[in-house]
């Protein structure tokens, strides 16, 4: 059992980070070349909704807080 990060082997961390990077590039390629329609691909809708929320935050912060906390 691992007691702390000091006991964790450095090569395992490098391998895990490499897997994370490869997964990132695989998802980017998938949504760039396979799911090209912005209206149906979930990841594009997620980021588009994030842009809308950011605009609401800077336009009207009270509306943003209402959306965030589900009040009103």
PDB file of N, CA and C in Angstrom:
ATOM      1  N   UNK A   1       0.839  -1.167   0.000  1.00  0.00           N
ATOM      2  CA  UNK A   1       0.000   0.000   0.000  1.00  0.00           C
ATOM      3  C   UNK A   1       0.895   1.245   0.000  1.00  0.00           C
ATOM      4  N   UNK A   2       0.490   2.247  -0.752  1.00  0.00           N
ATOM      5  CA  UNK A   2       1.277   3.474  -0.858  1.00  0.00           C
ATOM      6  C   UNK A   2       0.923   4.385   0.312  1.00  0.00           C
ATOM      7  N   UNK A   3       1.935   4.777   1.083  1.00  0.00           N
ATOM      8  CA  UNK A   3       1.716   5.631   2.244  1.00  0.00           C
ATOM      9  C   UNK A   3       1.757   7.112   1.870  1.00  0.00           C
ATOM     10  N   UNK A   4       2.581   7.476   0.921  1.00  0.00           N
ATOM     11  CA  UNK A   4       2.688   8.870   0.522  1.00  0.00           C
ATOM     12  C   UNK A   4       3.184   8.932  -0.919  1.00  0.00           C
ATOM     13  N   UNK A   5       3.222  10.141  -1.456  1.00  0.00           N
ATOM     14  CA  UNK A   5       3.713  10.309  -2.816  1.00  0.00           C
ATOM     15  C   UNK A   5       5.207  10.034  -2.914  1.00  0.00           C
ATOM     16  N   UNK A   6       5.932  10.131  -1.819  1.00  0.00           N
ATOM     17  CA  UNK A   6       7.363   9.837  -1.851  1.00  0.00           C
ATOM     18  C   UNK A   6       7.623   8.365  -2.157  1.00  0.00           C
ATOM     19  N   UNK A   7       6.698   7.497  -1.749  1.00  0.00           N
ATOM     20  CA  UNK A   7       6.845   6.075  -2.008  1.00  0.00           C
ATOM     21  C   UNK A   7       6.437   5.699  -3.429  1.00  0.00           C
ATOM     22  N   UNK A   8       5.794   6.615  -4.129  1.00  0.00           N
ATOM     23  CA  UNK A   8       5.290   6.354  -5.474  1.00  0.00           C
ATOM     24  C   UNK A   8       6.444   6.448  -6.454  1.00  0.00           C
ATOM     25  N   UNK A   9       6.587   5.459  -7.286  1.00  0.00           N
ATOM     26  CA  UNK A   9       7.695   5.406  -8.237  1.00  0.00           C
ATOM     27  C   UNK A   9       7.527   6.485  -9.310  1.00  0.00           C
ATOM     28  N   UNK A  10       8.599   7.167  -9.626  1.00  0.00           N
ATOM     29  CA  UNK A  10       8.582   8.253 -10.603  1.00  0.00           C
ATOM     30  C   UNK A  10       8.188   7.756 -11.996  1.00  0.00           C
ATOM     31  N   UNK A  11       8.598   6.564 -12.343  1.00  0.00           N
ATOM     32  CA  UNK A  11       8.273   6.030 -13.673  1.00  0.00           C
ATOM     33  C   UNK A  11       6.768   5.777 -13.811  1.00  0.00           C
ATOM     34  N   UNK A  12       6.105   5.430 -12.711  1.00  0.00           N
ATOM     35  CA  UNK A  12       4.652   5.232 -12.761  1.00  0.00           C
ATOM     36  C   UNK A  12       3.965   6.569 -13.030  1.00  0.00           C
ATOM     37  N   UNK A  13       4.420   7.629 -12.390  1.00  0.00           N
ATOM     38  CA  UNK A  13       3.840   8.949 -12.634  1.00  0.00           C
ATOM     39  C   UNK A  13       4.041   9.387 -14.078  1.00  0.00           C
ATOM     40  N   UNK A  14       5.203   9.137 -14.614  1.00  0.00           N
ATOM     41  CA  UNK A  14       5.482   9.496 -16.011  1.00  0.00           C
ATOM     42  C   UNK A  14       4.591   8.684 -16.947  1.00  0.00           C
ATOM     43  N   UNK A  15       4.416   7.414 -16.663  1.00  0.00           N
ATOM     44  CA  UNK A  15       3.563   6.562 -17.494  1.00  0.00           C
ATOM     45  C   UNK A  15       2.105   7.027 -17.436  1.00  0.00           C
ATOM     46  N   UNK A  16       1.628   7.363 -16.244  1.00  0.00           N
ATOM     47  CA  UNK A  16       0.246   7.830 -16.110  1.00  0.00           C
ATOM     48  C   UNK A  16       0.035   9.157 -16.834  1.00  0.00           C
ATOM     49  N   UNK A  17       0.999  10.055 -16.711  1.00  0.00           N
ATOM     50  CA  UNK A  17       0.889  11.338 -17.410  1.00  0.00           C
ATOM     51  C   UNK A  17       0.923  11.141 -18.925  1.00  0.00           C
ATOM     52  N   UNK A  18       1.750  10.218 -19.397  1.00  0.00           N
ATOM     53  CA  UNK A  18       1.808   9.919 -20.825  1.00  0.00           C
ATOM     54  C   UNK A  18       0.478   9.356 -21.313  1.00  0.00           C
ATOM     55  N   UNK A  19      -0.132   8.475 -20.535  1.00  0.00           N
ATOM     56  CA  UNK A  19      -1.460   7.947 -20.892  1.00  0.00           C
ATOM     57  C   UNK A  19      -2.497   9.056 -20.949  1.00  0.00           C
ATOM     58  N   UNK A  20      -2.420   9.980 -20.010  1.00  0.00           N
ATOM     59  CA  UNK A  20      -3.351  11.112 -20.007  1.00  0.00           C
ATOM     60  C   UNK A  20      -3.190  11.946 -21.270  1.00  0.00           C
ATOM     61  N   UNK A  21      -1.948  12.221 -21.649  1.00  0.00           N
ATOM     62  CA  UNK A  21      -1.704  12.995 -22.867  1.00  0.00           C
ATOM     63  C   UNK A  21      -2.205  12.263 -24.109  1.00  0.00           C
ATOM     64  N   UNK A  22      -1.928  10.969 -24.190  1.00  0.00           N
ATOM     65  CA  UNK A  22      -2.396  10.191 -25.345  1.00  0.00           C
ATOM     66  C   UNK A  22      -3.923  10.171 -25.413  1.00  0.00           C
ATOM     67  N   UNK A  23      -4.577  10.048 -24.275  1.00  0.00           N
ATOM     68  CA  UNK A  23      -6.036  10.085 -24.232  1.00  0.00           C
ATOM     69  C   UNK A  23      -6.584  11.425 -24.679  1.00  0.00           C
ATOM     70  N   UNK A  24      -5.899  12.496 -24.291  1.00  0.00           N
ATOM     71  CA  UNK A  24      -6.311  13.833 -24.707  1.00  0.00           C
ATOM     72  C   UNK A  24      -6.237  13.978 -26.217  1.00  0.00           C
ATOM     73  N   UNK A  25      -5.120  13.542 -26.802  1.00  0.00           N
ATOM     74  CA  UNK A  25      -4.980  13.631 -28.254  1.00  0.00           C
ATOM     75  C   UNK A  25      -5.970  12.727 -28.971  1.00  0.00           C
ATOM     76  N   UNK A  26      -6.273  11.573 -28.398  1.00  0.00           N
ATOM     77  CA  UNK A  26      -7.251  10.669 -29.013  1.00  0.00           C
ATOM     78  C   UNK A  26      -8.644  11.305 -29.010  1.00  0.00           C
ATOM     79  N   UNK A  27      -9.026  11.924 -27.903  1.00  0.00           N
ATOM     80  CA  UNK A  27     -10.331  12.585 -27.857  1.00  0.00           C
ATOM     81  C   UNK A  27     -10.389  13.775 -28.806  1.00  0.00           C
ATOM     82  N   UNK A  28      -9.306  14.513 -28.876  1.00  0.00           N
ATOM     83  CA  UNK A  28      -9.277  15.649 -29.794  1.00  0.00           C
ATOM     84  C   UNK A  28      -9.427  15.180 -31.239  1.00  0.00           C
ATOM     85  N   UNK A  29      -8.735  14.123 -31.604  1.00  0.00           N
ATOM     86  CA  UNK A  29      -8.843  13.589 -32.964  1.00  0.00           C
ATOM     87  C   UNK A  29     -10.252  13.056 -33.228  1.00  0.00           C
ATOM     88  N   UNK A  30     -10.828  12.386 -32.236  1.00  0.00           N
ATOM     89  CA  UNK A  30     -12.177  11.836 -32.391  1.00  0.00           C
ATOM     90  C   UNK A  30     -13.185  12.942 -32.671  1.00  0.00           C
ATOM     91  N   UNK A  31     -13.129  14.001 -31.877  1.00  0.00           N
ATOM     92  CA  UNK A  31     -14.111  15.067 -32.060  1.00  0.00           C
ATOM     93  C   UNK A  31     -13.750  16.020 -33.190  1.00  0.00           C
ATOM     94  N   UNK A  32     -12.548  15.958 -33.695  1.00  0.00           N
ATOM     95  CA  UNK A  32     -12.182  16.787 -34.845  1.00  0.00           C
ATOM     96  C   UNK A  32     -12.566  16.116 -36.155  1.00  0.00           C
ATOM     97  N   UNK A  33     -12.341  14.805 -36.258  1.00  0.00           N
ATOM     98  CA  UNK A  33     -12.535  14.117 -37.533  1.00  0.00           C
ATOM     99  C   UNK A  33     -13.783  13.246 -37.616  1.00  0.00           C
ATOM    100  N   UNK A  34     -14.337  12.823 -36.470  1.00  0.00           N
ATOM    101  CA  UNK A  34     -15.491  11.924 -36.521  1.00  0.00           C
ATOM    102  C   UNK A  34     -16.787  12.652 -36.172  1.00  0.00           C
ATOM    103  N   UNK A  35     -16.787  13.366 -35.067  1.00  0.00           N
ATOM    104  CA  UNK A  35     -17.971  14.124 -34.658  1.00  0.00           C
ATOM    105  C   UNK A  35     -17.769  15.583 -35.059  1.00  0.00           C
ATOM    106  N   UNK A  36     -18.088  15.905 -36.291  1.00  0.00           N
ATOM    107  CA  UNK A  36     -17.825  17.247 -36.796  1.00  0.00           C
ATOM    108  C   UNK A  36     -19.015  18.186 -36.675  1.00  0.00           C
ATOM    109  N   UNK A  37     -20.198  17.667 -36.406  1.00  0.00           N
ATOM    110  CA  UNK A  37     -21.406  18.494 -36.310  1.00  0.00           C
ATOM    111  C   UNK A  37     -21.512  19.077 -34.900  1.00  0.00           C
ATOM    112  N   UNK A  38     -21.381  20.393 -34.770  1.00  0.00           N
ATOM    113  CA  UNK A  38     -21.395  21.058 -33.460  1.00  0.00           C
ATOM    114  C   UNK A  38     -22.731  20.894 -32.750  1.00  0.00           C
ATOM    115  N   UNK A  39     -23.823  20.719 -33.494  1.00  0.00           N
ATOM    116  CA  UNK A  39     -25.137  20.660 -32.855  1.00  0.00           C
ATOM    117  C   UNK A  39     -25.417  19.306 -32.215  1.00  0.00           C
ATOM    118  N   UNK A  40     -24.668  18.269 -32.581  1.00  0.00           N
ATOM    119  CA  UNK A  40     -24.942  16.944 -32.023  1.00  0.00           C
ATOM    120  C   UNK A  40     -23.823  16.405 -31.141  1.00  0.00           C
ATOM    121  N   UNK A  41     -22.619  16.944 -31.250  1.00  0.00           N
ATOM    122  CA  UNK A  41     -21.498  16.447 -30.449  1.00  0.00           C
ATOM    123  C   UNK A  41     -21.561  17.055 -29.054  1.00  0.00           C
ATOM    124  N   UNK A  42     -21.601  16.211 -28.041  1.00  0.00           N
ATOM    125  CA  UNK A  42     -21.759  16.669 -26.665  1.00  0.00           C
ATOM    126  C   UNK A  42     -20.639  17.585 -26.211  1.00  0.00           C
ATOM    127  N   UNK A  43     -19.424  17.306 -26.630  1.00  0.00           N
ATOM    128  CA  UNK A  43     -18.313  18.114 -26.145  1.00  0.00           C
ATOM    129  C   UNK A  43     -18.413  19.550 -26.653  1.00  0.00           C
ATOM    130  N   UNK A  44     -18.868  19.746 -27.886  1.00  0.00           N
ATOM    131  CA  UNK A  44     -19.032  21.101 -28.401  1.00  0.00           C
ATOM    132  C   UNK A  44     -20.160  21.817 -27.672  1.00  0.00           C
ATOM    133  N   UNK A  45     -21.227  21.100 -27.404  1.00  0.00           N
ATOM    134  CA  UNK A  45     -22.342  21.703 -26.677  1.00  0.00           C
ATOM    135  C   UNK A  45     -21.913  22.101 -25.271  1.00  0.00           C
ATOM    136  N   UNK A  46     -21.094  21.284 -24.641  1.00  0.00           N
ATOM    137  CA  UNK A  46     -20.580  21.583 -23.309  1.00  0.00           C
ATOM    138  C   UNK A  46     -19.775  22.884 -23.319  1.00  0.00           C
ATOM    139  N   UNK A  47     -18.857  23.013 -24.268  1.00  0.00           N
ATOM    140  CA  UNK A  47     -18.028  24.214 -24.333  1.00  0.00           C
ATOM    141  C   UNK A  47     -18.828  25.433 -24.779  1.00  0.00           C
ATOM    142  N   UNK A  48     -19.789  25.246 -25.679  1.00  0.00           N
ATOM    143  CA  UNK A  48     -20.635  26.366 -26.092  1.00  0.00           C
ATOM    144  C   UNK A  48     -21.464  26.876 -24.914  1.00  0.00           C
ATOM    145  N   UNK A  49     -21.988  25.954 -24.097  1.00  0.00           N
ATOM    146  CA  UNK A  49     -22.733  26.357 -22.906  1.00  0.00           C
ATOM    147  C   UNK A  49     -21.826  27.069 -21.910  1.00  0.00           C
ATOM    148  N   UNK A  50     -20.578  26.641 -21.819  1.00  0.00           N
ATOM    149  CA  UNK A  50     -19.621  27.321 -20.958  1.00  0.00           C
ATOM    150  C   UNK A  50     -19.370  28.753 -21.399  1.00  0.00           C
ATOM    151  N   UNK A  51     -19.294  28.967 -22.709  1.00  0.00           N
ATOM    152  CA  UNK A  51     -19.123  30.329 -23.229  1.00  0.00           C
ATOM    153  C   UNK A  51     -20.323  31.203 -22.893  1.00  0.00           C
ATOM    154  N   UNK A  52     -21.514  30.623 -22.989  1.00  0.00           N
ATOM    155  CA  UNK A  52     -22.729  31.369 -22.651  1.00  0.00           C
ATOM    156  C   UNK A  52     -22.723  31.744 -21.171  1.00  0.00           C
ATOM    157  N   UNK A  53     -22.362  30.787 -20.312  1.00  0.00           N
ATOM    158  CA  UNK A  53     -22.310  31.082 -18.881  1.00  0.00           C
ATOM    159  C   UNK A  53     -21.270  32.147 -18.562  1.00  0.00           C
ATOM    160  N   UNK A  54     -20.140  32.116 -19.228  1.00  0.00           N
ATOM    161  CA  UNK A  54     -19.118  33.139 -19.004  1.00  0.00           C
ATOM    162  C   UNK A  54     -19.633  34.510 -19.415  1.00  0.00           C
ATOM    163  N   UNK A  55     -20.341  34.572 -20.540  1.00  0.00           N
ATOM    164  CA  UNK A  55     -20.904  35.848 -20.977  1.00  0.00           C
ATOM    165  C   UNK A  55     -21.940  36.372 -19.988  1.00  0.00           C
ATOM    166  N   UNK A  56     -22.756  35.477 -19.443  1.00  0.00           N
ATOM    167  CA  UNK A  56     -23.745  35.883 -18.447  1.00  0.00           C
ATOM    168  C   UNK A  56     -23.048  36.401 -17.191  1.00  0.00           C
ATOM    169  N   UNK A  57     -21.955  35.763 -16.791  1.00  0.00           N
ATOM    170  CA  UNK A  57     -21.213  36.198 -15.604  1.00  0.00           C
ATOM    171  C   UNK A  57     -20.741  37.635 -15.751  1.00  0.00           C
ATOM    172  N   UNK A  58     -20.188  37.982 -16.903  1.00  0.00           N
ATOM    173  CA  UNK A  58     -19.658  39.328 -17.086  1.00  0.00           C
ATOM    174  C   UNK A  58     -20.739  40.345 -17.445  1.00  0.00           C
ATOM    175  N   UNK A  59     -21.871  39.886 -17.982  1.00  0.00           N
ATOM    176  CA  UNK A  59     -22.952  40.795 -18.332  1.00  0.00           C
ATOM    177  C   UNK A  59     -23.833  41.106 -17.125  1.00  0.00           C
ATOM    178  N   UNK A  60     -24.255  40.048 -16.419  1.00  0.00           N
ATOM    179  CA  UNK A  60     -25.141  40.226 -15.276  1.00  0.00           C
ATOM    180  C   UNK A  60     -24.807  39.174 -14.216  1.00  0.00           C
ATOM    181  N   UNK A  61     -23.927  39.503 -13.282  1.00  0.00           N
ATOM    182  CA  UNK A  61     -23.485  38.521 -12.279  1.00  0.00           C
ATOM    183  C   UNK A  61     -24.620  37.952 -11.425  1.00  0.00           C
ATOM    184  N   UNK A  62     -25.659  38.737 -11.166  1.00  0.00           N
ATOM    185  CA  UNK A  62     -26.762  38.212 -10.352  1.00  0.00           C
ATOM    186  C   UNK A  62     -27.504  37.099 -11.091  1.00  0.00           C
ATOM    187  N   UNK A  63     -27.665  37.231 -12.401  1.00  0.00           N
ATOM    188  CA  UNK A  63     -28.291  36.151 -13.176  1.00  0.00           C
ATOM    189  C   UNK A  63     -27.403  34.906 -13.181  1.00  0.00           C
ATOM    190  N   UNK A  64     -26.097  35.125 -13.269  1.00  0.00           N
ATOM    191  CA  UNK A  64     -25.167  33.997 -13.233  1.00  0.00           C
ATOM    192  C   UNK A  64     -25.312  33.227 -11.924  1.00  0.00           C
ATOM    193  N   UNK A  65     -25.369  33.945 -10.803  1.00  0.00           N
ATOM    194  CA  UNK A  65     -25.523  33.280  -9.505  1.00  0.00           C
ATOM    195  C   UNK A  65     -26.855  32.551  -9.405  1.00  0.00           C
ATOM    196  N   UNK A  66     -27.897  33.117  -9.980  1.00  0.00           N
ATOM    197  CA  UNK A  66     -29.199  32.425  -9.997  1.00  0.00           C
ATOM    198  C   UNK A  66     -29.122  31.128 -10.796  1.00  0.00           C
ATOM    199  N   UNK A  67     -28.442  31.178 -11.921  1.00  0.00           N
ATOM    200  CA  UNK A  67     -28.274  29.973 -12.740  1.00  0.00           C
ATOM    201  C   UNK A  67     -27.428  28.950 -11.988  1.00  0.00           C
ATOM    202  N   UNK A  68     -26.347  29.418 -11.383  1.00  0.00           N
ATOM    203  CA  UNK A  68     -25.417  28.530 -10.692  1.00  0.00           C
ATOM    204  C   UNK A  68     -26.074  27.817  -9.528  1.00  0.00           C
ATOM    205  N   UNK A  69     -26.858  28.544  -8.733  1.00  0.00           N
ATOM    206  CA  UNK A  69     -27.468  27.966  -7.550  1.00  0.00           C
ATOM    207  C   UNK A  69     -28.906  27.504  -7.745  1.00  0.00           C
ATOM    208  N   UNK A  70     -29.467  27.739  -8.933  1.00  0.00           N
ATOM    209  CA  UNK A  70     -30.800  27.246  -9.246  1.00  0.00           C
ATOM    210  C   UNK A  70     -31.906  27.973  -8.502  1.00  0.00           C
ATOM    211  N   UNK A  71     -31.673  29.215  -8.143  1.00  0.00           N
ATOM    212  CA  UNK A  71     -32.725  29.970  -7.451  1.00  0.00           C
ATOM    213  C   UNK A  71     -33.423  30.886  -8.429  1.00  0.00           C
ATOM    214  N   UNK A  72     -34.707  31.072  -8.199  1.00  0.00           N
ATOM    215  CA  UNK A  72     -35.481  31.989  -9.060  1.00  0.00           C
ATOM    216  C   UNK A  72     -35.794  31.352 -10.345  1.00  0.00           C
TER     217      UNK A  72
END
